[in-house]
Amino acid sequence: GKRLMTALIQLIPLILVVTIIFGAVGGYVNYFILEPEYTATTSFYVMAPVEDEVDDNSSVITYYEKLALDYSEIATSRTITSEVAKNLGLENLVDYEIKVVPAEGTRVMELTVTGNDSELVKDIANEMVKVFTETVKRVIGAENVNVIDYAYVARTGPMRARNTVLIALAGAILVVGIIVLKEFADTTFRTAEEVEEMLDLPVLAQVNRIKSTQSKGKKKSKSK
C-alpha cells in the first residue's frame, strides 16, 4: 500500500498531463466535431373507447403504455414517414429518431423527433403529428385523438461540458489503473523495510549498489 501510494505520488505530473490531453481531445471532439442535437416534442390526447375503460388505475396506465407501443409502431411505419417526407420535400426520415411515449402514465401521448437541424425537426414533428392523428383515426377508428401542443424544440445533446469532464476523468483513471497493475505485477524488493514486511524476517546486512571503478578507469583512459 505504501509503495503504491509512493508510486502514485511520484507520477502525479504524468497523471495530470494525461488528464489534460484526454480533456483537450474530448473537448475538441465535443465542441468542434459533434453536431448539436435537437428534439421537437408534440403532444396529443387519446380517449379510450367506453368499452375499454377500466376502474383500476394501474390497469389504465398499462393500457396506455401498450397503446403507446402501438402508436409508436404506426408513427414509424413507412406509410406515415414516407408521406411526411414527401410533404416536406425530403427523400426520407432515416436520419431522425421518432418516438411516441405516454406522458407520465396519463392519456397524453408525446411524439418526439430528434435530429441535428432545429428548424427541420420542428417541421417534421408538426407534420408527423398531423399525418399520424389522421392515420390513426382512419385506420383504428379512434375519433378521440386530438393534438394538444404543436412542436417546441429543445437542445438535447451533446452534453459537451459533462462529456469533456468524463473523458478527462477516463484518462486519469486509465493512467492510475496502469500504475496499479504495474505495481502489483512488480514483485521485486526495493528497500530493507519491504523485505522485513513481506517475509517477516530481519535484514542482517545490506549492500549498496556501487559503480565499477574499472569502467571509470576505461572512460578516463579513452579521454586521454
C-alpha atoms as a PDB file:
ATOM      1  CA  GLY A   1       0.000   0.000   0.000  1.00  0.00           C
ATOM      2  CA  LYS A   2       2.747   2.432   0.962  1.00  0.00           C
ATOM      3  CA  ARG A   3       4.751   1.518  -2.125  1.00  0.00           C
ATOM      4  CA  LEU A   4       1.718   2.044  -4.360  1.00  0.00           C
ATOM      5  CA  MET A   5       0.997   5.422  -2.791  1.00  0.00           C
ATOM      6  CA  THR A   6       4.602   6.457  -3.295  1.00  0.00           C
ATOM      7  CA  ALA A   7       4.438   5.456  -6.959  1.00  0.00           C
ATOM      8  CA  LEU A   8       1.202   7.374  -7.456  1.00  0.00           C
ATOM      9  CA  ILE A   9       2.596  10.491  -5.780  1.00  0.00           C
ATOM     10  CA  GLN A  10       5.750  10.346  -7.880  1.00  0.00           C
ATOM     11  CA  LEU A  11       3.701  10.015 -11.081  1.00  0.00           C
ATOM     12  CA  ILE A  12       1.209  12.813 -10.330  1.00  0.00           C
ATOM     13  CA  PRO A  13       2.713  15.007 -13.104  1.00  0.00           C
ATOM     14  CA  LEU A  14       2.160  12.181 -15.621  1.00  0.00           C
ATOM     15  CA  ILE A  15      -1.426  11.698 -14.413  1.00  0.00           C
ATOM     16  CA  LEU A  16      -2.127  15.413 -14.768  1.00  0.00           C
ATOM     17  CA  VAL A  17      -0.611  15.576 -18.252  1.00  0.00           C
ATOM     18  CA  VAL A  18      -2.651  12.602 -19.499  1.00  0.00           C
ATOM     19  CA  THR A  19      -5.818  14.035 -17.911  1.00  0.00           C
ATOM     20  CA  ILE A  20      -5.273  17.366 -19.669  1.00  0.00           C
ATOM     21  CA  ILE A  21      -4.581  15.659 -23.003  1.00  0.00           C
ATOM     22  CA  PHE A  22      -7.709  13.494 -22.774  1.00  0.00           C
ATOM     23  CA  GLY A  23      -9.764  16.531 -21.724  1.00  0.00           C
ATOM     24  CA  ALA A  24      -8.416  18.611 -24.618  1.00  0.00           C
ATOM     25  CA  VAL A  25      -9.139  15.878 -27.166  1.00  0.00           C
ATOM     26  CA  GLY A  26     -12.594  15.260 -25.689  1.00  0.00           C
ATOM     27  CA  GLY A  27     -13.367  18.979 -25.672  1.00  0.00           C
ATOM     28  CA  TYR A  28     -12.272  19.360 -29.280  1.00  0.00           C
ATOM     29  CA  VAL A  29     -14.450  16.449 -30.394  1.00  0.00           C
ATOM     30  CA  ASN A  30     -17.485  17.636 -28.413  1.00  0.00           C
ATOM     31  CA  TYR A  31     -17.259  21.323 -29.328  1.00  0.00           C
ATOM     32  CA  PHE A  32     -15.936  21.242 -32.887  1.00  0.00           C
ATOM     33  CA  ILE A  33     -16.761  17.849 -34.417  1.00  0.00           C
ATOM     34  CA  LEU A  34     -20.020  16.561 -32.922  1.00  0.00           C
ATOM     35  CA  GLU A  35     -23.108  18.316 -34.267  1.00  0.00           C
ATOM     36  CA  PRO A  36     -25.693  19.654 -31.810  1.00  0.00           C
ATOM     37  CA  GLU A  37     -28.801  17.519 -31.311  1.00  0.00           C
ATOM     38  CA  TYR A  38     -32.328  18.888 -31.042  1.00  0.00           C
ATOM     39  CA  THR A  39     -35.620  17.271 -30.056  1.00  0.00           C
ATOM     40  CA  ALA A  40     -39.016  18.589 -31.119  1.00  0.00           C
ATOM     41  CA  THR A  41     -41.909  17.467 -28.918  1.00  0.00           C
ATOM     42  CA  THR A  42     -45.612  17.436 -29.752  1.00  0.00           C
ATOM     43  CA  SER A  43     -48.429  16.026 -27.638  1.00  0.00           C
ATOM     44  CA  PHE A  44     -51.906  14.686 -28.292  1.00  0.00           C
ATOM     45  CA  TYR A  45     -54.714  13.342 -26.146  1.00  0.00           C
ATOM     46  CA  VAL A  46     -56.202   9.872 -26.559  1.00  0.00           C
ATOM     47  CA  MET A  47     -59.641   8.982 -25.218  1.00  0.00           C
ATOM     48  CA  ALA A  48     -60.164   5.241 -24.906  1.00  0.00           C
ATOM     49  CA  PRO A  49     -63.439   3.770 -26.202  1.00  0.00           C
ATOM     50  CA  VAL A  50     -66.079   3.374 -23.493  1.00  0.00           C
ATOM     51  CA  GLU A  51     -65.929  -0.427 -23.594  1.00  0.00           C
ATOM     52  CA  ASP A  52     -62.180  -0.271 -22.919  1.00  0.00           C
ATOM     53  CA  GLU A  53     -62.489   1.946 -19.851  1.00  0.00           C
ATOM     54  CA  VAL A  54     -61.265   0.335 -16.616  1.00  0.00           C
ATOM     55  CA  ASP A  55     -61.574   1.389 -12.996  1.00  0.00           C
ATOM     56  CA  ASP A  56     -58.211   0.186 -11.760  1.00  0.00           C
ATOM     57  CA  ASN A  57     -55.651   2.994 -12.141  1.00  0.00           C
ATOM     58  CA  SER A  58     -52.742   0.591 -12.706  1.00  0.00           C
ATOM     59  CA  SER A  59     -54.721  -1.095 -15.484  1.00  0.00           C
ATOM     60  CA  VAL A  60     -55.360   2.292 -17.084  1.00  0.00           C
ATOM     61  CA  ILE A  61     -51.625   3.049 -17.078  1.00  0.00           C
ATOM     62  CA  THR A  62     -50.834  -0.368 -18.531  1.00  0.00           C
ATOM     63  CA  TYR A  63     -53.464   0.149 -21.219  1.00  0.00           C
ATOM     64  CA  TYR A  64     -51.938   3.432 -22.356  1.00  0.00           C
ATOM     65  CA  GLU A  65     -48.413   2.080 -22.206  1.00  0.00           C
ATOM     66  CA  LYS A  66     -49.470  -0.683 -24.600  1.00  0.00           C
ATOM     67  CA  LEU A  67     -51.338   1.858 -26.692  1.00  0.00           C
ATOM     68  CA  ALA A  68     -48.159   3.948 -26.886  1.00  0.00           C
ATOM     69  CA  LEU A  69     -46.305   0.928 -28.289  1.00  0.00           C
ATOM     70  CA  ASP A  70     -48.969   0.508 -30.956  1.00  0.00           C
ATOM     71  CA  TYR A  71     -48.835   4.204 -31.815  1.00  0.00           C
ATOM     72  CA  SER A  72     -45.045   4.175 -31.891  1.00  0.00           C
ATOM     73  CA  GLU A  73     -45.120   1.404 -34.488  1.00  0.00           C
ATOM     74  CA  ILE A  74     -47.696   3.315 -36.523  1.00  0.00           C
ATOM     75  CA  ALA A  75     -45.752   6.596 -36.290  1.00  0.00           C
ATOM     76  CA  THR A  76     -42.552   4.987 -37.559  1.00  0.00           C
ATOM     77  CA  SER A  77     -44.288   2.964 -40.265  1.00  0.00           C
ATOM     78  CA  ARG A  78     -43.198   3.506 -43.853  1.00  0.00           C
ATOM     79  CA  THR A  79     -46.657   4.760 -44.784  1.00  0.00           C
ATOM     80  CA  ILE A  80     -46.502   7.721 -42.409  1.00  0.00           C
ATOM     81  CA  THR A  81     -42.783   8.535 -42.663  1.00  0.00           C
ATOM     82  CA  SER A  82     -42.852   8.478 -46.459  1.00  0.00           C
ATOM     83  CA  GLU A  83     -45.927  10.745 -46.561  1.00  0.00           C
ATOM     84  CA  VAL A  84     -44.347  13.201 -44.104  1.00  0.00           C
ATOM     85  CA  ALA A  85     -41.084  13.218 -46.056  1.00  0.00           C
ATOM     86  CA  LYS A  86     -42.978  13.801 -49.315  1.00  0.00           C
ATOM     87  CA  ASN A  87     -44.998  16.671 -47.812  1.00  0.00           C
ATOM     88  CA  LEU A  88     -41.790  18.371 -46.643  1.00  0.00           C
ATOM     89  CA  GLY A  89     -39.826  17.715 -49.808  1.00  0.00           C
ATOM     90  CA  LEU A  90     -37.434  15.276 -48.130  1.00  0.00           C
ATOM     91  CA  GLU A  91     -36.142  11.992 -49.506  1.00  0.00           C
ATOM     92  CA  ASN A  92     -36.734  10.072 -46.258  1.00  0.00           C
ATOM     93  CA  LEU A  93     -36.600  10.397 -42.442  1.00  0.00           C
ATOM     94  CA  VAL A  94     -33.901   7.804 -41.721  1.00  0.00           C
ATOM     95  CA  ASP A  95     -31.658  10.426 -40.099  1.00  0.00           C
ATOM     96  CA  TYR A  96     -34.285  11.287 -37.486  1.00  0.00           C
ATOM     97  CA  GLU A  97     -35.320   9.418 -34.353  1.00  0.00           C
ATOM     98  CA  ILE A  98     -39.097   9.293 -33.918  1.00  0.00           C
ATOM     99  CA  LYS A  99     -40.797   8.131 -30.707  1.00  0.00           C
ATOM    100  CA  VAL A 100     -44.271   8.044 -29.197  1.00  0.00           C
ATOM    101  CA  VAL A 101     -44.415   7.709 -25.401  1.00  0.00           C
ATOM    102  CA  PRO A 102     -47.087   8.266 -22.737  1.00  0.00           C
ATOM    103  CA  ALA A 103     -46.551  11.367 -20.613  1.00  0.00           C
ATOM    104  CA  GLU A 104     -46.088  10.127 -17.046  1.00  0.00           C
ATOM    105  CA  GLY A 105     -48.750   7.438 -17.244  1.00  0.00           C
ATOM    106  CA  THR A 106     -51.512   9.780 -18.458  1.00  0.00           C
ATOM    107  CA  ARG A 107     -53.697   9.655 -21.546  1.00  0.00           C
ATOM    108  CA  VAL A 108     -51.496  12.308 -23.094  1.00  0.00           C
ATOM    109  CA  MET A 109     -49.057  10.943 -25.658  1.00  0.00           C
ATOM    110  CA  GLU A 110     -45.857  12.692 -26.686  1.00  0.00           C
ATOM    111  CA  LEU A 111     -44.454  12.366 -30.192  1.00  0.00           C
ATOM    112  CA  THR A 112     -40.801  13.410 -30.424  1.00  0.00           C
ATOM    113  CA  VAL A 113     -38.473  13.892 -33.381  1.00  0.00           C
ATOM    114  CA  THR A 114     -34.726  14.141 -32.786  1.00  0.00           C
ATOM    115  CA  GLY A 115     -32.117  15.370 -35.272  1.00  0.00           C
ATOM    116  CA  ASN A 116     -29.350  17.895 -35.938  1.00  0.00           C
ATOM    117  CA  ASP A 117     -31.419  20.678 -37.562  1.00  0.00           C
ATOM    118  CA  SER A 118     -33.636  22.565 -35.106  1.00  0.00           C
ATOM    119  CA  GLU A 119     -35.992  24.020 -37.719  1.00  0.00           C
ATOM    120  CA  LEU A 120     -36.324  20.780 -39.642  1.00  0.00           C
ATOM    121  CA  VAL A 121     -37.118  18.634 -36.578  1.00  0.00           C
ATOM    122  CA  LYS A 122     -39.828  21.139 -35.688  1.00  0.00           C
ATOM    123  CA  ASP A 123     -41.363  20.942 -39.169  1.00  0.00           C
ATOM    124  CA  ILE A 124     -41.147  17.142 -39.178  1.00  0.00           C
ATOM    125  CA  ALA A 125     -42.758  16.868 -35.743  1.00  0.00           C
ATOM    126  CA  ASN A 126     -45.667  19.133 -36.679  1.00  0.00           C
ATOM    127  CA  GLU A 127     -46.268  17.329 -39.966  1.00  0.00           C
ATOM    128  CA  MET A 128     -45.784  13.967 -38.281  1.00  0.00           C
ATOM    129  CA  VAL A 129     -48.423  14.545 -35.591  1.00  0.00           C
ATOM    130  CA  LYS A 130     -50.827  15.846 -38.260  1.00  0.00           C
ATOM    131  CA  VAL A 131     -50.420  12.838 -40.572  1.00  0.00           C
ATOM    132  CA  PHE A 132     -50.249  10.459 -37.617  1.00  0.00           C
ATOM    133  CA  THR A 133     -53.524  11.533 -35.990  1.00  0.00           C
ATOM    134  CA  GLU A 134     -55.290  11.433 -39.356  1.00  0.00           C
ATOM    135  CA  THR A 135     -53.960   7.919 -39.989  1.00  0.00           C
ATOM    136  CA  VAL A 136     -54.937   6.671 -36.517  1.00  0.00           C
ATOM    137  CA  LYS A 137     -58.466   7.971 -36.969  1.00  0.00           C
ATOM    138  CA  ARG A 138     -58.710   6.351 -40.388  1.00  0.00           C
ATOM    139  CA  VAL A 139     -57.041   3.010 -39.610  1.00  0.00           C
ATOM    140  CA  ILE A 140     -58.022   2.355 -35.985  1.00  0.00           C
ATOM    141  CA  GLY A 141     -61.221   4.368 -35.941  1.00  0.00           C
ATOM    142  CA  ALA A 142     -60.137   6.289 -32.848  1.00  0.00           C
ATOM    143  CA  GLU A 143     -62.067   9.538 -33.211  1.00  0.00           C
ATOM    144  CA  ASN A 144     -60.977  10.980 -29.875  1.00  0.00           C
ATOM    145  CA  VAL A 145     -57.383  11.771 -30.828  1.00  0.00           C
ATOM    146  CA  ASN A 146     -56.724  15.499 -30.526  1.00  0.00           C
ATOM    147  CA  VAL A 147     -53.498  17.498 -30.763  1.00  0.00           C
ATOM    148  CA  ILE A 148     -52.691  19.418 -27.571  1.00  0.00           C
ATOM    149  CA  ASP A 149     -49.352  21.064 -28.372  1.00  0.00           C
ATOM    150  CA  TYR A 150     -47.566  21.524 -31.633  1.00  0.00           C
ATOM    151  CA  ALA A 151     -43.787  21.243 -31.724  1.00  0.00           C
ATOM    152  CA  TYR A 152     -41.491  23.019 -29.318  1.00  0.00           C
ATOM    153  CA  VAL A 153     -37.769  22.443 -29.734  1.00  0.00           C
ATOM    154  CA  ALA A 154     -35.130  21.864 -27.066  1.00  0.00           C
ATOM    155  CA  ARG A 155     -31.463  21.121 -27.421  1.00  0.00           C
ATOM    156  CA  THR A 156     -30.823  17.622 -26.064  1.00  0.00           C
ATOM    157  CA  GLY A 157     -27.176  16.971 -26.859  1.00  0.00           C
ATOM    158  CA  PRO A 158     -24.380  16.501 -26.845  1.00  0.00           C
ATOM    159  CA  MET A 159     -23.718  17.391 -23.193  1.00  0.00           C
ATOM    160  CA  ARG A 160     -20.421  18.994 -24.110  1.00  0.00           C
ATOM    161  CA  ALA A 161     -19.093  20.108 -20.738  1.00  0.00           C
ATOM    162  CA  ARG A 162     -20.105  16.891 -18.997  1.00  0.00           C
ATOM    163  CA  ASN A 163     -18.687  14.692 -21.750  1.00  0.00           C
ATOM    164  CA  THR A 164     -15.381  16.603 -21.708  1.00  0.00           C
ATOM    165  CA  VAL A 165     -15.031  16.153 -17.944  1.00  0.00           C
ATOM    166  CA  LEU A 166     -15.896  12.453 -18.196  1.00  0.00           C
ATOM    167  CA  ILE A 167     -13.298  11.895 -20.921  1.00  0.00           C
ATOM    168  CA  ALA A 168     -10.655  13.699 -18.845  1.00  0.00           C
ATOM    169  CA  LEU A 169     -11.537  11.554 -15.833  1.00  0.00           C
ATOM    170  CA  ALA A 170     -11.342   8.458 -18.018  1.00  0.00           C
ATOM    171  CA  GLY A 171      -7.782   9.414 -18.943  1.00  0.00           C
ATOM    172  CA  ALA A 172      -6.840   9.850 -15.299  1.00  0.00           C
ATOM    173  CA  ILE A 173      -8.439   6.532 -14.325  1.00  0.00           C
ATOM    174  CA  LEU A 174      -6.655   4.790 -17.197  1.00  0.00           C
ATOM    175  CA  VAL A 175      -3.219   6.024 -16.065  1.00  0.00           C
ATOM    176  CA  VAL A 176      -3.885   5.203 -12.407  1.00  0.00           C
ATOM    177  CA  GLY A 177      -5.093   1.733 -13.419  1.00  0.00           C
ATOM    178  CA  ILE A 178      -1.928   1.078 -15.420  1.00  0.00           C
ATOM    179  CA  ILE A 179       0.224   2.235 -12.483  1.00  0.00           C
ATOM    180  CA  VAL A 180      -1.665  -0.014 -10.050  1.00  0.00           C
ATOM    181  CA  LEU A 181      -1.383  -3.037 -12.350  1.00  0.00           C
ATOM    182  CA  LYS A 182       2.316  -2.398 -12.876  1.00  0.00           C
ATOM    183  CA  GLU A 183       2.935  -2.148  -9.139  1.00  0.00           C
ATOM    184  CA  PHE A 184       1.029  -5.362  -8.405  1.00  0.00           C
ATOM    185  CA  ALA A 185       2.916  -7.156 -11.174  1.00  0.00           C
ATOM    186  CA  ASP A 186       6.283  -5.966  -9.802  1.00  0.00           C
ATOM    187  CA  THR A 187       7.363  -8.498  -7.137  1.00  0.00           C
ATOM    188  CA  THR A 188      10.893  -7.168  -6.572  1.00  0.00           C
ATOM    189  CA  PHE A 189      12.009  -5.746  -3.221  1.00  0.00           C
ATOM    190  CA  ARG A 190      13.301  -2.204  -3.283  1.00  0.00           C
ATOM    191  CA  THR A 191      14.078  -1.500   0.376  1.00  0.00           C
ATOM    192  CA  ALA A 192      15.024  -3.412   3.501  1.00  0.00           C
ATOM    193  CA  GLU A 193      11.711  -2.413   5.036  1.00  0.00           C
ATOM    194  CA  GLU A 194       9.843  -4.174   2.233  1.00  0.00           C
ATOM    195  CA  VAL A 195      11.831  -7.368   2.826  1.00  0.00           C
ATOM    196  CA  GLU A 196      11.053  -7.330   6.558  1.00  0.00           C
ATOM    197  CA  GLU A 197       7.391  -6.541   5.938  1.00  0.00           C
ATOM    198  CA  MET A 198       6.778  -9.167   3.241  1.00  0.00           C
ATOM    199  CA  LEU A 199       8.962 -12.026   4.580  1.00  0.00           C
ATOM    200  CA  ASP A 200       8.648 -11.238   8.274  1.00  0.00           C
ATOM    201  CA  LEU A 201      12.418 -11.712   8.614  1.00  0.00           C
ATOM    202  CA  PRO A 202      15.041  -9.286   9.908  1.00  0.00           C
ATOM    203  CA  VAL A 203      17.576  -7.834   7.477  1.00  0.00           C
ATOM    204  CA  LEU A 204      21.070  -8.740   8.759  1.00  0.00           C
ATOM    205  CA  ALA A 205      23.100  -6.873   6.159  1.00  0.00           C
ATOM    206  CA  GLN A 206      22.612  -4.546   3.268  1.00  0.00           C
ATOM    207  CA  VAL A 207      24.964  -3.956   0.330  1.00  0.00           C
ATOM    208  CA  ASN A 208      24.649  -0.685  -1.512  1.00  0.00           C
ATOM    209  CA  ARG A 209      24.926  -0.625  -5.285  1.00  0.00           C
ATOM    210  CA  ILE A 210      28.238   0.930  -6.403  1.00  0.00           C
ATOM    211  CA  LYS A 211      29.571   1.795  -9.805  1.00  0.00           C
ATOM    212  CA  SER A 212      32.502  -0.212 -11.160  1.00  0.00           C
ATOM    213  CA  THR A 213      35.876   1.575 -10.788  1.00  0.00           C
ATOM    214  CA  GLN A 214      37.135  -0.417 -13.757  1.00  0.00           C
ATOM    215  CA  SER A 215      34.565   1.179 -16.069  1.00  0.00           C
ATOM    216  CA  LYS A 216      35.549   4.598 -14.734  1.00  0.00           C
ATOM    217  CA  GLY A 217      39.207   3.881 -15.467  1.00  0.00           C
ATOM    218  CA  LYS A 218      38.405   2.886 -19.042  1.00  0.00           C
ATOM    219  CA  LYS A 219      36.474   6.131 -19.568  1.00  0.00           C
ATOM    220  CA  LYS A 220      39.402   8.194 -18.263  1.00  0.00           C
ATOM    221  CA  SER A 221      41.923   6.374 -20.468  1.00  0.00           C
ATOM    222  CA  LYS A 222      39.715   6.963 -23.509  1.00  0.00           C
ATOM    223  CA  SER A 223      39.501  10.647 -22.720  1.00  0.00           C
ATOM    224  CA  LYS A 224      43.319  10.901 -22.638  1.00  0.00           C
END
